[in-house]
Amino acid sequence: MTQAQEKNTRTLVGRVVSDKRSKTVTVLVERRAKHELYGKIVALSRKYHAHDEKGEYKMGDVVEIAEGRPISKTKSWVVTRLVEKAQIV
């Protein structure tokens, strides 16, 4: 078991959209929800800055992130595992 599963922390799965910063990746998490008034299913997205200690995750990778202690002003998520490697075109 990983630390994320032991502590029962929140986990999200998203796509890496930026890997330019040192030890940090930007992960875009998309979800679908029903609109409050109109009932239509709408796509909602949010970007999270996640800690990547070794710099091993690249743009386009699908990763799982887990909530942890604040690492910096905007970063309180940590990449836990690689779900899918980016497709090379």
N, C-alpha and C. Protein backbone atom coordinates (compact mmCIF):
# COMPACT_ATOMS: atom_id res chain seq x y z
N MET A 1 0.83 -1.20 0.00
CA MET A 1 0.00 0.00 0.00
C MET A 1 0.87 1.26 0.00
N THR A 2 0.43 2.26 -0.76
CA THR A 2 1.16 3.53 -0.77
C THR A 2 0.67 4.39 0.37
N GLN A 3 1.38 5.50 0.60
CA GLN A 3 0.98 6.41 1.67
C GLN A 3 -0.39 7.01 1.42
N ALA A 4 -0.72 7.26 0.16
CA ALA A 4 -2.01 7.88 -0.17
C ALA A 4 -3.17 6.98 0.24
N GLN A 5 -3.02 5.67 0.07
CA GLN A 5 -4.08 4.74 0.42
C GLN A 5 -4.19 4.56 1.93
N GLU A 6 -3.07 4.60 2.64
CA GLU A 6 -3.08 4.44 4.08
C GLU A 6 -3.84 5.55 4.79
N LYS A 7 -3.58 6.79 4.38
CA LYS A 7 -4.17 7.94 5.05
C LYS A 7 -5.57 8.29 4.54
N ASN A 8 -6.03 7.59 3.48
CA ASN A 8 -7.34 7.83 2.90
C ASN A 8 -7.47 9.27 2.38
N THR A 9 -6.46 9.72 1.65
CA THR A 9 -6.46 11.07 1.10
C THR A 9 -7.17 11.10 -0.25
N ARG A 10 -7.52 12.32 -0.68
CA ARG A 10 -8.17 12.49 -1.98
C ARG A 10 -7.18 12.21 -3.10
N THR A 11 -7.63 11.50 -4.13
CA THR A 11 -6.81 11.26 -5.30
C THR A 11 -7.60 11.64 -6.55
N LEU A 12 -6.88 12.15 -7.55
CA LEU A 12 -7.49 12.55 -8.81
C LEU A 12 -6.63 12.01 -9.95
N VAL A 13 -7.25 11.80 -11.11
CA VAL A 13 -6.51 11.36 -12.29
C VAL A 13 -6.65 12.44 -13.36
N GLY A 14 -5.52 12.85 -13.94
CA GLY A 14 -5.55 13.90 -14.96
C GLY A 14 -4.36 13.82 -15.89
N ARG A 15 -4.35 14.72 -16.87
CA ARG A 15 -3.30 14.75 -17.89
C ARG A 15 -2.30 15.87 -17.59
N VAL A 16 -1.01 15.57 -17.74
CA VAL A 16 0.04 16.58 -17.55
C VAL A 16 0.01 17.53 -18.74
N VAL A 17 -0.22 18.82 -18.47
CA VAL A 17 -0.27 19.83 -19.54
C VAL A 17 0.97 20.71 -19.56
N SER A 18 1.78 20.67 -18.49
CA SER A 18 3.02 21.44 -18.46
C SER A 18 4.03 20.75 -17.56
N ASP A 19 5.28 20.66 -18.04
CA ASP A 19 6.35 20.11 -17.22
C ASP A 19 7.58 21.02 -17.25
N LYS A 20 7.34 22.31 -17.48
CA LYS A 20 8.43 23.29 -17.62
C LYS A 20 9.09 23.66 -16.29
N ARG A 21 8.33 23.62 -15.19
CA ARG A 21 8.89 24.02 -13.90
C ARG A 21 9.69 22.89 -13.26
N SER A 22 10.67 23.27 -12.46
CA SER A 22 11.52 22.29 -11.79
C SER A 22 10.74 21.58 -10.69
N LYS A 23 10.74 20.25 -10.73
CA LYS A 23 10.08 19.39 -9.73
C LYS A 23 8.57 19.61 -9.64
N THR A 24 7.96 20.20 -10.66
CA THR A 24 6.53 20.47 -10.64
C THR A 24 5.91 20.16 -12.00
N VAL A 25 4.73 19.55 -11.98
CA VAL A 25 3.96 19.36 -13.21
C VAL A 25 2.58 19.97 -13.00
N THR A 26 2.00 20.48 -14.08
CA THR A 26 0.65 21.01 -14.03
C THR A 26 -0.27 19.93 -14.59
N VAL A 27 -1.26 19.52 -13.80
CA VAL A 27 -2.15 18.42 -14.17
C VAL A 27 -3.56 18.97 -14.38
N LEU A 28 -4.13 18.69 -15.57
CA LEU A 28 -5.49 19.11 -15.90
C LEU A 28 -6.43 17.97 -15.57
N VAL A 29 -7.34 18.19 -14.62
CA VAL A 29 -8.31 17.18 -14.22
C VAL A 29 -9.67 17.59 -14.79
N GLU A 30 -10.25 16.71 -15.61
CA GLU A 30 -11.56 17.00 -16.22
C GLU A 30 -12.61 16.10 -15.58
N ARG A 31 -13.78 16.68 -15.34
CA ARG A 31 -14.90 15.89 -14.81
C ARG A 31 -16.18 16.34 -15.48
N ARG A 32 -17.20 15.50 -15.41
CA ARG A 32 -18.48 15.82 -16.01
C ARG A 32 -19.52 15.91 -14.90
N ALA A 33 -20.34 16.96 -14.94
CA ALA A 33 -21.35 17.17 -13.91
C ALA A 33 -22.63 17.70 -14.55
N LYS A 34 -23.72 17.47 -13.88
CA LYS A 34 -25.00 17.96 -14.37
C LYS A 34 -25.16 19.43 -13.99
N HIS A 35 -25.59 20.26 -14.95
CA HIS A 35 -25.80 21.68 -14.69
C HIS A 35 -26.94 21.85 -13.70
N GLU A 36 -26.74 22.75 -12.74
CA GLU A 36 -27.68 22.96 -11.64
C GLU A 36 -29.10 23.26 -12.13
N LEU A 37 -29.22 24.20 -13.07
CA LEU A 37 -30.54 24.67 -13.51
C LEU A 37 -31.07 23.91 -14.72
N TYR A 38 -30.20 23.71 -15.73
CA TYR A 38 -30.67 23.17 -17.00
C TYR A 38 -30.58 21.65 -17.12
N GLY A 39 -29.84 21.02 -16.21
CA GLY A 39 -29.77 19.56 -16.22
C GLY A 39 -28.87 18.97 -17.29
N LYS A 40 -28.22 19.81 -18.09
CA LYS A 40 -27.32 19.33 -19.14
C LYS A 40 -26.00 18.87 -18.52
N ILE A 41 -25.42 17.81 -19.08
CA ILE A 41 -24.11 17.36 -18.62
C ILE A 41 -23.05 18.28 -19.23
N VAL A 42 -22.26 18.92 -18.36
CA VAL A 42 -21.23 19.84 -18.82
C VAL A 42 -19.86 19.34 -18.37
N ALA A 43 -18.83 19.64 -19.17
CA ALA A 43 -17.46 19.26 -18.84
C ALA A 43 -16.82 20.38 -18.01
N LEU A 44 -16.32 20.03 -16.84
CA LEU A 44 -15.65 20.99 -15.97
C LEU A 44 -14.19 20.56 -15.84
N SER A 45 -13.29 21.53 -15.81
CA SER A 45 -11.88 21.19 -15.69
C SER A 45 -11.20 22.12 -14.69
N ARG A 46 -10.12 21.61 -14.10
CA ARG A 46 -9.35 22.39 -13.14
C ARG A 46 -7.90 21.96 -13.22
N LYS A 47 -6.98 22.91 -13.07
CA LYS A 47 -5.56 22.61 -13.11
C LYS A 47 -4.99 22.58 -11.69
N TYR A 48 -4.15 21.59 -11.44
CA TYR A 48 -3.48 21.45 -10.16
C TYR A 48 -1.97 21.42 -10.39
N HIS A 49 -1.21 22.06 -9.50
CA HIS A 49 0.24 21.95 -9.53
C HIS A 49 0.59 20.79 -8.61
N ALA A 50 1.34 19.82 -9.15
CA ALA A 50 1.69 18.63 -8.37
C ALA A 50 3.20 18.47 -8.31
N HIS A 51 3.66 17.95 -7.18
CA HIS A 51 5.10 17.76 -6.94
C HIS A 51 5.59 16.50 -7.65
N ASP A 52 6.68 16.67 -8.41
CA ASP A 52 7.31 15.58 -9.16
C ASP A 52 8.80 15.63 -8.83
N GLU A 53 9.20 14.93 -7.78
CA GLU A 53 10.56 15.03 -7.23
C GLU A 53 11.65 14.74 -8.25
N LYS A 54 11.49 13.68 -9.06
CA LYS A 54 12.54 13.27 -9.99
C LYS A 54 12.39 13.87 -11.38
N GLY A 55 11.29 14.55 -11.65
CA GLY A 55 11.06 15.12 -12.97
C GLY A 55 10.85 14.08 -14.04
N GLU A 56 10.19 12.97 -13.67
CA GLU A 56 10.04 11.84 -14.60
C GLU A 56 8.77 11.90 -15.44
N TYR A 57 7.80 12.75 -15.11
CA TYR A 57 6.54 12.81 -15.84
C TYR A 57 6.61 13.91 -16.89
N LYS A 58 6.19 13.58 -18.09
CA LYS A 58 6.29 14.51 -19.21
C LYS A 58 4.91 14.92 -19.71
N MET A 59 4.88 15.92 -20.57
CA MET A 59 3.64 16.45 -21.12
C MET A 59 2.86 15.36 -21.85
N GLY A 60 1.57 15.25 -21.57
CA GLY A 60 0.72 14.27 -22.21
C GLY A 60 0.51 13.01 -21.39
N ASP A 61 1.33 12.78 -20.37
CA ASP A 61 1.15 11.60 -19.51
C ASP A 61 -0.13 11.73 -18.69
N VAL A 62 -0.80 10.60 -18.47
CA VAL A 62 -1.95 10.57 -17.58
C VAL A 62 -1.43 10.06 -16.24
N VAL A 63 -1.62 10.87 -15.18
CA VAL A 63 -1.07 10.54 -13.87
C VAL A 63 -2.15 10.61 -12.79
N GLU A 64 -1.84 9.97 -11.66
CA GLU A 64 -2.70 10.06 -10.49
C GLU A 64 -2.01 10.97 -9.48
N ILE A 65 -2.77 11.92 -8.93
CA ILE A 65 -2.20 12.83 -7.93
C ILE A 65 -2.97 12.65 -6.61
N ALA A 66 -2.25 12.83 -5.52
CA ALA A 66 -2.85 12.71 -4.19
C ALA A 66 -2.60 13.98 -3.40
N GLU A 67 -3.57 14.35 -2.59
CA GLU A 67 -3.44 15.55 -1.78
C GLU A 67 -2.49 15.29 -0.62
N GLY A 68 -1.66 16.28 -0.31
CA GLY A 68 -0.70 16.15 0.78
C GLY A 68 -0.50 17.47 1.48
N ARG A 69 0.59 17.57 2.20
CA ARG A 69 0.89 18.82 2.91
C ARG A 69 1.29 19.89 1.90
N PRO A 70 1.10 21.18 2.23
CA PRO A 70 1.51 22.25 1.32
C PRO A 70 3.03 22.23 1.12
N ILE A 71 3.44 22.21 -0.16
CA ILE A 71 4.86 22.19 -0.50
C ILE A 71 5.32 23.60 -0.86
N SER A 72 4.43 24.37 -1.49
CA SER A 72 4.71 25.77 -1.80
C SER A 72 3.39 26.53 -1.78
N LYS A 73 3.40 27.76 -2.24
CA LYS A 73 2.20 28.60 -2.23
C LYS A 73 1.05 27.97 -3.03
N THR A 74 1.37 27.38 -4.18
CA THR A 74 0.31 26.84 -5.05
C THR A 74 0.32 25.32 -5.14
N LYS A 75 1.22 24.67 -4.43
CA LYS A 75 1.41 23.23 -4.63
C LYS A 75 1.16 22.44 -3.35
N SER A 76 0.07 21.65 -3.34
CA SER A 76 -0.20 20.77 -2.21
C SER A 76 -0.66 19.39 -2.68
N TRP A 77 -0.29 19.03 -3.90
CA TRP A 77 -0.59 17.71 -4.46
C TRP A 77 0.72 17.05 -4.86
N VAL A 78 0.76 15.72 -4.82
CA VAL A 78 1.94 14.95 -5.16
C VAL A 78 1.54 13.90 -6.19
N VAL A 79 2.37 13.73 -7.24
CA VAL A 79 2.11 12.69 -8.23
C VAL A 79 2.42 11.35 -7.60
N THR A 80 1.44 10.42 -7.59
CA THR A 80 1.64 9.12 -6.96
C THR A 80 2.01 8.03 -7.95
N ARG A 81 1.40 8.06 -9.16
CA ARG A 81 1.74 7.01 -10.12
C ARG A 81 1.40 7.43 -11.54
N LEU A 82 2.03 6.74 -12.49
CA LEU A 82 1.78 6.95 -13.91
C LEU A 82 0.66 6.01 -14.33
N VAL A 83 -0.42 6.55 -14.87
CA VAL A 83 -1.54 5.73 -15.33
C VAL A 83 -1.31 5.32 -16.78
N GLU A 84 -0.92 6.30 -17.62
CA GLU A 84 -0.71 6.03 -19.05
C GLU A 84 0.37 6.94 -19.58
N LYS A 85 1.29 6.37 -20.34
CA LYS A 85 2.37 7.16 -20.95
C LYS A 85 1.82 7.93 -22.14
N ALA A 86 2.39 9.10 -22.42
CA ALA A 86 1.94 9.94 -23.53
C ALA A 86 2.17 9.23 -24.87
N GLN A 87 1.26 9.42 -25.81
CA GLN A 87 1.40 8.86 -27.16
C GLN A 87 2.40 9.69 -27.94
N ILE A 88 3.37 9.05 -28.57
CA ILE A 88 4.34 9.75 -29.39
C ILE A 88 3.83 9.74 -30.82
N VAL A 89 3.64 10.94 -31.40
CA VAL A 89 3.10 11.05 -32.75
C VAL A 89 4.22 11.22 -33.75
